[in-house]
PDB file of N, CA and C in Angstrom:
ATOM      1  N   MET A   1     -15.804  89.275-183.751  1.00  0.00           N
ATOM      2  CA  MET A   1     -16.601  90.463-183.588  1.00  0.00           C
ATOM      3  C   MET A   1     -16.341  91.042-182.205  1.00  0.00           C
ATOM      4  N   GLU A   2     -16.078  92.306-182.137  1.00  0.00           N
ATOM      5  CA  GLU A   2     -15.967  92.946-180.845  1.00  0.00           C
ATOM      6  C   GLU A   2     -17.344  93.466-180.494  1.00  0.00           C
ATOM      7  N   TRP A   3     -17.797  93.172-179.274  1.00  0.00           N
ATOM      8  CA  TRP A   3     -19.183  93.474-178.917  1.00  0.00           C
ATOM      9  C   TRP A   3     -19.471  94.952-179.017  1.00  0.00           C
ATOM     10  N   PHE A   4     -18.546  95.804-178.586  1.00  0.00           N
ATOM     11  CA  PHE A   4     -18.818  97.242-178.602  1.00  0.00           C
ATOM     12  C   PHE A   4     -19.017  97.735-180.021  1.00  0.00           C
ATOM     13  N   ASP A   5     -18.192  97.280-180.948  1.00  0.00           N
ATOM     14  CA  ASP A   5     -18.326  97.702-182.334  1.00  0.00           C
ATOM     15  C   ASP A   5     -19.653  97.243-182.933  1.00  0.00           C
ATOM     16  N   ALA A   6     -20.037  95.993-182.708  1.00  0.00           N
ATOM     17  CA  ALA A   6     -21.295  95.491-183.264  1.00  0.00           C
ATOM     18  C   ALA A   6     -22.486  96.209-182.644  1.00  0.00           C
ATOM     19  N   PHE A   7     -22.450  96.386-181.340  1.00  0.00           N
ATOM     20  CA  PHE A   7     -23.551  97.080-180.681  1.00  0.00           C
ATOM     21  C   PHE A   7     -23.608  98.532-181.146  1.00  0.00           C
ATOM     22  N   GLU A   8     -22.451  99.158-181.248  1.00  0.00           N
ATOM     23  CA  GLU A   8     -22.399 100.550-181.711  1.00  0.00           C
ATOM     24  C   GLU A   8     -22.943 100.666-183.133  1.00  0.00           C
ATOM     25  N   GLU A   9     -22.591  99.739-184.002  1.00  0.00           N
ATOM     26  CA  GLU A   9     -23.092  99.777-185.375  1.00  0.00           C
ATOM     27  C   GLU A   9     -24.599  99.549-185.424  1.00  0.00           C
ATOM     28  N   LEU A  10     -25.111  98.653-184.595  1.00  0.00           N
ATOM     29  CA  LEU A  10     -26.551  98.432-184.514  1.00  0.00           C
ATOM     30  C   LEU A  10     -27.264  99.725-184.119  1.00  0.00           C
ATOM     31  N   MET A  11     -26.753 100.380-183.084  1.00  0.00           N
ATOM     32  CA  MET A  11     -27.381 101.625-182.626  1.00  0.00           C
ATOM     33  C   MET A  11     -27.233 102.735-183.668  1.00  0.00           C
ATOM     34  N   ALA A  12     -26.088 102.803-184.337  1.00  0.00           N
ATOM     35  CA  ALA A  12     -25.886 103.812-185.380  1.00  0.00           C
ATOM     36  C   ALA A  12     -26.843 103.592-186.546  1.00  0.00           C
ATOM     37  N   THR A  13     -27.080 102.329-186.892  1.00  0.00           N
ATOM     38  CA  THR A  13     -28.030 102.011-187.963  1.00  0.00           C
ATOM     39  C   THR A  13     -29.433 102.471-187.583  1.00  0.00           C
ATOM     40  N   ILE A  14     -29.820 102.244-186.357  1.00  0.00           N
ATOM     41  CA  ILE A  14     -31.139 102.686-185.881  1.00  0.00           C
ATOM     42  C   ILE A  14     -31.222 104.212-185.889  1.00  0.00           C
ATOM     43  N   GLU A  15     -30.163 104.881-185.440  1.00  0.00           N
ATOM     44  CA  GLU A  15     -30.148 106.353-185.429  1.00  0.00           C
ATOM     45  C   GLU A  15     -30.250 106.918-186.844  1.00  0.00           C
ATOM     46  N   ARG A  16     -29.553 106.311-187.806  1.00  0.00           N
ATOM     47  CA  ARG A  16     -29.655 106.772-189.200  1.00  0.00           C
ATOM     48  C   ARG A  16     -31.082 106.599-189.714  1.00  0.00           C
ATOM     49  N   PHE A  17     -31.716 105.502-189.358  1.00  0.00           N
ATOM     50  CA  PHE A  17     -33.102 105.264-189.768  1.00  0.00           C
ATOM     51  C   PHE A  17     -34.011 106.340-189.178  1.00  0.00           C
ATOM     52  N   VAL A  18     -33.827 106.641-187.899  1.00  0.00           N
ATOM     53  CA  VAL A  18     -34.637 107.669-187.239  1.00  0.00           C
ATOM     54  C   VAL A  18     -34.427 109.023-187.916  1.00  0.00           C
ATOM     55  N   SER A  19     -33.174 109.369-188.210  1.00  0.00           N
ATOM     56  CA  SER A  19     -32.892 110.644-188.874  1.00  0.00           C
ATOM     57  C   SER A  19     -33.567 110.747-190.231  1.00  0.00           C
ATOM     58  N   ALA A  20     -33.581 109.649-190.968  1.00  0.00           N
ATOM     59  CA  ALA A  20     -34.162 109.646-192.313  1.00  0.00           C
ATOM     60  C   ALA A  20     -35.682 109.557-192.317  1.00  0.00           C
ATOM     61  N   ASN A  21     -36.266 108.908-191.294  1.00  0.00           N
ATOM     62  CA  ASN A  21     -37.704 108.616-191.322  1.00  0.00           C
ATOM     63  C   ASN A  21     -38.518 109.271-190.218  1.00  0.00           C
ATOM     64  N   GLY A  22     -37.855 109.826-189.217  1.00  0.00           N
ATOM     65  CA  GLY A  22     -38.573 110.496-188.138  1.00  0.00           C
ATOM     66  C   GLY A  22     -39.114 109.564-187.064  1.00  0.00           C
ATOM     67  N   HIS A  23     -38.828 108.287-187.169  1.00  0.00           N
ATOM     68  CA  HIS A  23     -39.273 107.311-186.172  1.00  0.00           C
ATOM     69  C   HIS A  23     -38.337 106.116-186.200  1.00  0.00           C
ATOM     70  N   ALA A  24     -38.374 105.347-185.141  1.00  0.00           N
ATOM     71  CA  ALA A  24     -37.531 104.149-185.065  1.00  0.00           C
ATOM     72  C   ALA A  24     -38.061 103.072-185.999  1.00  0.00           C
ATOM     73  N   PRO A  25     -37.201 102.189-186.466  1.00  0.00           N
ATOM     74  CA  PRO A  25     -37.689 101.074-187.284  1.00  0.00           C
ATOM     75  C   PRO A  25     -38.525 100.131-186.421  1.00  0.00           C
ATOM     76  N   THR A  26     -39.448  99.445-187.049  1.00  0.00           N
ATOM     77  CA  THR A  26     -40.247  98.445-186.354  1.00  0.00           C
ATOM     78  C   THR A  26     -39.375  97.262-185.960  1.00  0.00           C
ATOM     79  N   GLU A  27     -38.483  96.911-186.877  1.00  0.00           N
ATOM     80  CA  GLU A  27     -37.575  95.803-186.618  1.00  0.00           C
ATOM     81  C   GLU A  27     -36.265  96.034-187.337  1.00  0.00           C
ATOM     82  N   VAL A  28     -35.251  95.306-186.895  1.00  0.00           N
ATOM     83  CA  VAL A  28     -33.940  95.344-187.526  1.00  0.00           C
ATOM     84  C   VAL A  28     -33.547  93.904-187.804  1.00  0.00           C
ATOM     85  N   ALA A  29     -33.274  93.609-189.074  1.00  0.00           N
ATOM     86  CA  ALA A  29     -32.846  92.265-189.450  1.00  0.00           C
ATOM     87  C   ALA A  29     -31.335  92.146-189.273  1.00  0.00           C
ATOM     88  N   VAL A  30     -30.925  91.031-188.686  1.00  0.00           N
ATOM     89  CA  VAL A  30     -29.510  90.735-188.487  1.00  0.00           C
ATOM     90  C   VAL A  30     -29.266  89.270-188.841  1.00  0.00           C
ATOM     91  N   SER A  31     -28.009  88.947-189.065  1.00  0.00           N
ATOM     92  CA  SER A  31     -27.654  87.561-189.367  1.00  0.00           C
ATOM     93  C   SER A  31     -27.833  86.693-188.121  1.00  0.00           C
ATOM     94  N   PRO A  32     -27.964  85.395-188.311  1.00  0.00           N
ATOM     95  CA  PRO A  32     -28.041  84.498-187.150  1.00  0.00           C
ATOM     96  C   PRO A  32     -26.809  84.628-186.246  1.00  0.00           C
ATOM     97  N   GLN A  33     -25.631  84.806-186.862  1.00  0.00           N
ATOM     98  CA  GLN A  33     -24.405  84.947-186.081  1.00  0.00           C
ATOM     99  C   GLN A  33     -24.427  86.211-185.225  1.00  0.00           C
ATOM    100  N   LEU A  34     -24.848  87.325-185.818  1.00  0.00           N
ATOM    101  CA  LEU A  34     -24.897  88.580-185.077  1.00  0.00           C
ATOM    102  C   LEU A  34     -25.956  88.515-183.976  1.00  0.00           C
ATOM    103  N   TYR A  35     -27.105  87.907-184.279  1.00  0.00           N
ATOM    104  CA  TYR A  35     -28.159  87.764-183.272  1.00  0.00           C
ATOM    105  C   TYR A  35     -27.647  86.950-182.083  1.00  0.00           C
ATOM    106  N   ALA A  36     -27.012  85.827-182.367  1.00  0.00           N
ATOM    107  CA  ALA A  36     -26.496  84.964-181.295  1.00  0.00           C
ATOM    108  C   ALA A  36     -25.432  85.692-180.484  1.00  0.00           C
ATOM    109  N   TRP A  37     -24.586  86.410-181.156  1.00  0.00           N
ATOM    110  CA  TRP A  37     -23.518  87.135-180.486  1.00  0.00           C
ATOM    111  C   TRP A  37     -24.081  88.229-179.577  1.00  0.00           C
ATOM    112  N   LEU A  38     -25.054  89.003-180.089  1.00  0.00           N
ATOM    113  CA  LEU A  38     -25.699  90.035-179.266  1.00  0.00           C
ATOM    114  C   LEU A  38     -26.422  89.404-178.072  1.00  0.00           C
ATOM    115  N   ALA A  39     -27.088  88.278-178.289  1.00  0.00           N
ATOM    116  CA  ALA A  39     -27.785  87.590-177.199  1.00  0.00           C
ATOM    117  C   ALA A  39     -26.797  87.144-176.127  1.00  0.00           C
ATOM    118  N   ASP A  40     -25.655  86.605-176.540  1.00  0.00           N
ATOM    119  CA  ASP A  40     -24.629  86.192-175.572  1.00  0.00           C
ATOM    120  C   ASP A  40     -24.130  87.372-174.747  1.00  0.00           C
ATOM    121  N   ILE A  41     -23.877  88.467-175.408  1.00  0.00           N
ATOM    122  CA  ILE A  41     -23.404  89.668-174.708  1.00  0.00           C
ATOM    123  C   ILE A  41     -24.455  90.157-173.714  1.00  0.00           C
ATOM    124  N   ARG A  42     -25.707  90.158-174.107  1.00  0.00           N
ATOM    125  CA  ARG A  42     -26.766  90.636-173.215  1.00  0.00           C
ATOM    126  C   ARG A  42     -26.958  89.690-172.039  1.00  0.00           C
ATOM    127  N   ARG A  43     -26.842  88.382-172.270  1.00  0.00           N
ATOM    128  CA  ARG A  43     -26.926  87.415-171.171  1.00  0.00           C
ATOM    129  C   ARG A  43     -25.798  87.651-170.169  1.00  0.00           C
ATOM    130  N   GLU A  44     -24.597  87.804-170.685  1.00  0.00           N
ATOM    131  CA  GLU A  44     -23.435  88.025-169.827  1.00  0.00           C
ATOM    132  C   GLU A  44     -23.561  89.338-169.052  1.00  0.00           C
ATOM    133  N   SER A  45     -24.029  90.368-169.704  1.00  0.00           N
ATOM    134  CA  SER A  45     -24.212  91.659-169.041  1.00  0.00           C
ATOM    135  C   SER A  45     -25.225  91.550-167.905  1.00  0.00           C
ATOM    136  N   ALA A  46     -26.333  90.868-168.146  1.00  0.00           N
ATOM    137  CA  ALA A  46     -27.355  90.676-167.107  1.00  0.00           C
ATOM    138  C   ALA A  46     -26.793  89.866-165.949  1.00  0.00           C
ATOM    139  N   ARG A  47     -26.030  88.831-166.270  1.00  0.00           N
ATOM    140  CA  ARG A  47     -25.441  87.989-165.232  1.00  0.00           C
ATOM    141  C   ARG A  47     -24.461  88.790-164.371  1.00  0.00           C
ATOM    142  N   LEU A  48     -23.606  89.570-165.012  1.00  0.00           N
ATOM    143  CA  LEU A  48     -22.600  90.339-164.278  1.00  0.00           C
ATOM    144  C   LEU A  48     -23.214  91.453-163.433  1.00  0.00           C
ATOM    145  N   SER A  49     -24.295  92.047-163.935  1.00  0.00           N
ATOM    146  CA  SER A  49     -24.923  93.151-163.206  1.00  0.00           C
ATOM    147  C   SER A  49     -25.974  92.673-162.201  1.00  0.00           C
ATOM    148  N   GLY A  50     -26.348  91.399-162.287  1.00  0.00           N
ATOM    149  CA  GLY A  50     -27.362  90.870-161.379  1.00  0.00           C
ATOM    150  C   GLY A  50     -28.762  91.349-161.698  1.00  0.00           C
ATOM    151  N   THR A  51     -28.969  91.806-162.926  1.00  0.00           N
ATOM    152  CA  THR A  51     -30.295  92.269-163.333  1.00  0.00           C
ATOM    153  C   THR A  51     -31.010  91.169-164.106  1.00  0.00           C
ATOM    154  N   PRO A  52     -32.339  91.226-164.128  1.00  0.00           N
ATOM    155  CA  PRO A  52     -33.083  90.207-164.883  1.00  0.00           C
ATOM    156  C   PRO A  52     -32.754  90.290-166.377  1.00  0.00           C
ATOM    157  N   LEU A  53     -32.763  89.147-167.019  1.00  0.00           N
ATOM    158  CA  LEU A  53     -32.510  89.087-168.448  1.00  0.00           C
ATOM    159  C   LEU A  53     -33.698  89.660-169.198  1.00  0.00           C
ATOM    160  N   GLU A  54     -33.421  90.546-170.129  1.00  0.00           N
ATOM    161  CA  GLU A  54     -34.469  91.154-170.951  1.00  0.00           C
ATOM    162  C   GLU A  54     -34.847  90.216-172.088  1.00  0.00           C
ATOM    163  N   ASP A  55     -35.930  90.541-172.744  1.00  0.00           N
ATOM    164  CA  ASP A  55     -36.354  89.802-173.936  1.00  0.00           C
ATOM    165  C   ASP A  55     -35.268  89.936-175.000  1.00  0.00           C
ATOM    166  N   LEU A  56     -34.666  88.851-175.400  1.00  0.00           N
ATOM    167  CA  LEU A  56     -33.563  88.900-176.349  1.00  0.00           C
ATOM    168  C   LEU A  56     -34.008  89.181-177.779  1.00  0.00           C
ATOM    169  N   SER A  57     -35.304  89.118-178.049  1.00  0.00           N
ATOM    170  CA  SER A  57     -35.789  89.391-179.401  1.00  0.00           C
ATOM    171  C   SER A  57     -36.044  90.874-179.638  1.00  0.00           C
ATOM    172  N   THR A  58     -35.804  91.690-178.618  1.00  0.00           N
ATOM    173  CA  THR A  58     -35.916  93.139-178.780  1.00  0.00           C
ATOM    174  C   THR A  58     -34.652  93.788-178.238  1.00  0.00           C
ATOM    175  N   ILE A  59     -34.378  94.991-178.736  1.00  0.00           N
ATOM    176  CA  ILE A  59     -33.223  95.744-178.267  1.00  0.00           C
ATOM    177  C   ILE A  59     -33.724  97.106-177.771  1.00  0.00           C
ATOM    178  N   PRO A  60     -33.379  97.477-176.540  1.00  0.00           N
ATOM    179  CA  PRO A  60     -33.804  98.790-176.051  1.00  0.00           C
ATOM    180  C   PRO A  60     -32.978  99.892-176.730  1.00  0.00           C
ATOM    181  N   THR A  61     -33.646 100.935-177.154  1.00  0.00           N
ATOM    182  CA  THR A  61     -32.986 102.089-177.769  1.00  0.00           C
ATOM    183  C   THR A  61     -33.559 103.353-177.144  1.00  0.00           C
ATOM    184  N   PRO A  62     -32.940 104.494-177.378  1.00  0.00           N
ATOM    185  CA  PRO A  62     -33.520 105.756-176.894  1.00  0.00           C
ATOM    186  C   PRO A  62     -34.893 106.048-177.501  1.00  0.00           C
ATOM    187  N   HIS A  63     -35.246 105.318-178.557  1.00  0.00           N
ATOM    188  CA  HIS A  63     -36.522 105.526-179.256  1.00  0.00           C
ATOM    189  C   HIS A  63     -37.533 104.430-178.937  1.00  0.00           C
ATOM    190  N   GLY A  64     -37.250 103.630-177.929  1.00  0.00           N
ATOM    191  CA  GLY A  64     -38.127 102.532-177.548  1.00  0.00           C
ATOM    192  C   GLY A  64     -37.534 101.200-177.976  1.00  0.00           C
ATOM    193  N   LEU A  65     -38.279 100.149-177.720  1.00  0.00           N
ATOM    194  CA  LEU A  65     -37.823  98.808-178.076  1.00  0.00           C
ATOM    195  C   LEU A  65     -37.938  98.584-179.580  1.00  0.00           C
ATOM    196  N   VAL A  66     -36.913  97.958-180.153  1.00  0.00           N
ATOM    197  CA  VAL A  66     -36.912  97.596-181.568  1.00  0.00           C
ATOM    198  C   VAL A  66     -36.723  96.087-181.638  1.00  0.00           C
ATOM    199  N   ARG A  67     -37.550  95.442-182.422  1.00  0.00           N
ATOM    200  CA  ARG A  67     -37.491  93.984-182.538  1.00  0.00           C
ATOM    201  C   ARG A  67     -36.309  93.571-183.413  1.00  0.00           C
ATOM    202  N   LEU A  68     -35.591  92.543-182.975  1.00  0.00           N
ATOM    203  CA  LEU A  68     -34.519  91.959-183.777  1.00  0.00           C
ATOM    204  C   LEU A  68     -35.080  90.773-184.540  1.00  0.00           C
ATOM    205  N   GLN A  69     -34.826  90.747-185.824  1.00  0.00           N
ATOM    206  CA  GLN A  69     -35.311  89.682-186.693  1.00  0.00           C
ATOM    207  C   GLN A  69     -34.118  88.974-187.303  1.00  0.00           C
ATOM    208  N   ILE A  70     -34.093  87.670-187.244  1.00  0.00           N
ATOM    209  CA  ILE A  70     -33.016  86.904-187.848  1.00  0.00           C
ATOM    210  C   ILE A  70     -33.301  86.723-189.334  1.00  0.00           C
ATOM    211  N   ASP A  71     -32.312  87.064-190.156  1.00  0.00           N
ATOM    212  CA  ASP A  71     -32.426  86.877-191.602  1.00  0.00           C
ATOM    213  C   ASP A  71     -31.244  86.025-192.057  1.00  0.00           C
ATOM    214  N   GLU A  72     -31.519  84.804-192.448  1.00  0.00           N
ATOM    215  CA  GLU A  72     -30.493  83.844-192.862  1.00  0.00           C
ATOM    216  C   GLU A  72     -29.704  84.317-194.080  1.00  0.00           C
ATOM    217  N   ALA A  73     -30.264  85.221-194.873  1.00  0.00           N
ATOM    218  CA  ALA A  73     -29.604  85.671-196.097  1.00  0.00           C
ATOM    219  C   ALA A  73     -28.526  86.731-195.841  1.00  0.00           C
ATOM    220  N   LEU A  74     -28.503  87.303-194.648  1.00  0.00           N
ATOM    221  CA  LEU A  74     -27.536  88.367-194.351  1.00  0.00           C
ATOM    222  C   LEU A  74     -26.188  87.785-193.958  1.00  0.00           C
ATOM    223  N   ASN A  75     -25.134  88.541-194.275  1.00  0.00           N
ATOM    224  CA  ASN A  75     -23.818  88.108-193.805  1.00  0.00           C
ATOM    225  C   ASN A  75     -23.662  88.530-192.350  1.00  0.00           C
ATOM    226  N   ALA A  76     -22.603  88.096-191.717  1.00  0.00           N
ATOM    227  CA  ALA A  76     -22.432  88.279-190.275  1.00  0.00           C
ATOM    228  C   ALA A  76     -22.468  89.728-189.815  1.00  0.00           C
ATOM    229  N   TYR A  77     -22.186  90.674-190.705  1.00  0.00           N
ATOM    230  CA  TYR A  77     -22.091  92.074-190.285  1.00  0.00           C
ATOM    231  C   TYR A  77     -23.201  92.966-190.820  1.00  0.00           C
ATOM    232  N   GLU A  78     -24.123  92.419-191.579  1.00  0.00           N
ATOM    233  CA  GLU A  78     -25.202  93.243-192.129  1.00  0.00           C
ATOM    234  C   GLU A  78     -26.283  93.508-191.085  1.00  0.00           C
ATOM    235  N   ILE A  79     -26.779  94.741-191.107  1.00  0.00           N
ATOM    236  CA  ILE A  79     -27.869  95.161-190.233  1.00  0.00           C
ATOM    237  C   ILE A  79     -28.844  95.935-191.115  1.00  0.00           C
ATOM    238  N   VAL A  80     -30.081  95.460-191.194  1.00  0.00           N
ATOM    239  CA  VAL A  80     -31.052  96.050-192.117  1.00  0.00           C
ATOM    240  C   VAL A  80     -32.306  96.481-191.349  1.00  0.00           C
ATOM    241  N   PRO A  81     -32.513  97.801-191.186  1.00  0.00           N
ATOM    242  CA  PRO A  81     -33.718  98.272-190.498  1.00  0.00           C
ATOM    243  C   PRO A  81     -34.924  98.255-191.443  1.00  0.00           C
ATOM    244  N   ASP A  82     -36.090  98.089-190.847  1.00  0.00           N
ATOM    245  CA  ASP A  82     -37.324  98.109-191.634  1.00  0.00           C
ATOM    246  C   ASP A  82     -38.419  98.763-190.821  1.00  0.00           C
TER     247      ASP A  82
END
């Protein structure tokens, strides 16, 4: 998984939800693999920038924080907003 593509797809999924519903999703379900991968990227980004680590169970978006939920039934690339 390339981090930019996965992160971009996550944000695009949230934007599509906002366009269709007029508000951000409460949560976005992702696979355990995608969750772990996003968490690793965010840890590394915080370490490199010297900024405090954010809550890994939420993702900041232009529409506010959206909770990330792990769903064992999803494949590595599925992203399901709710």
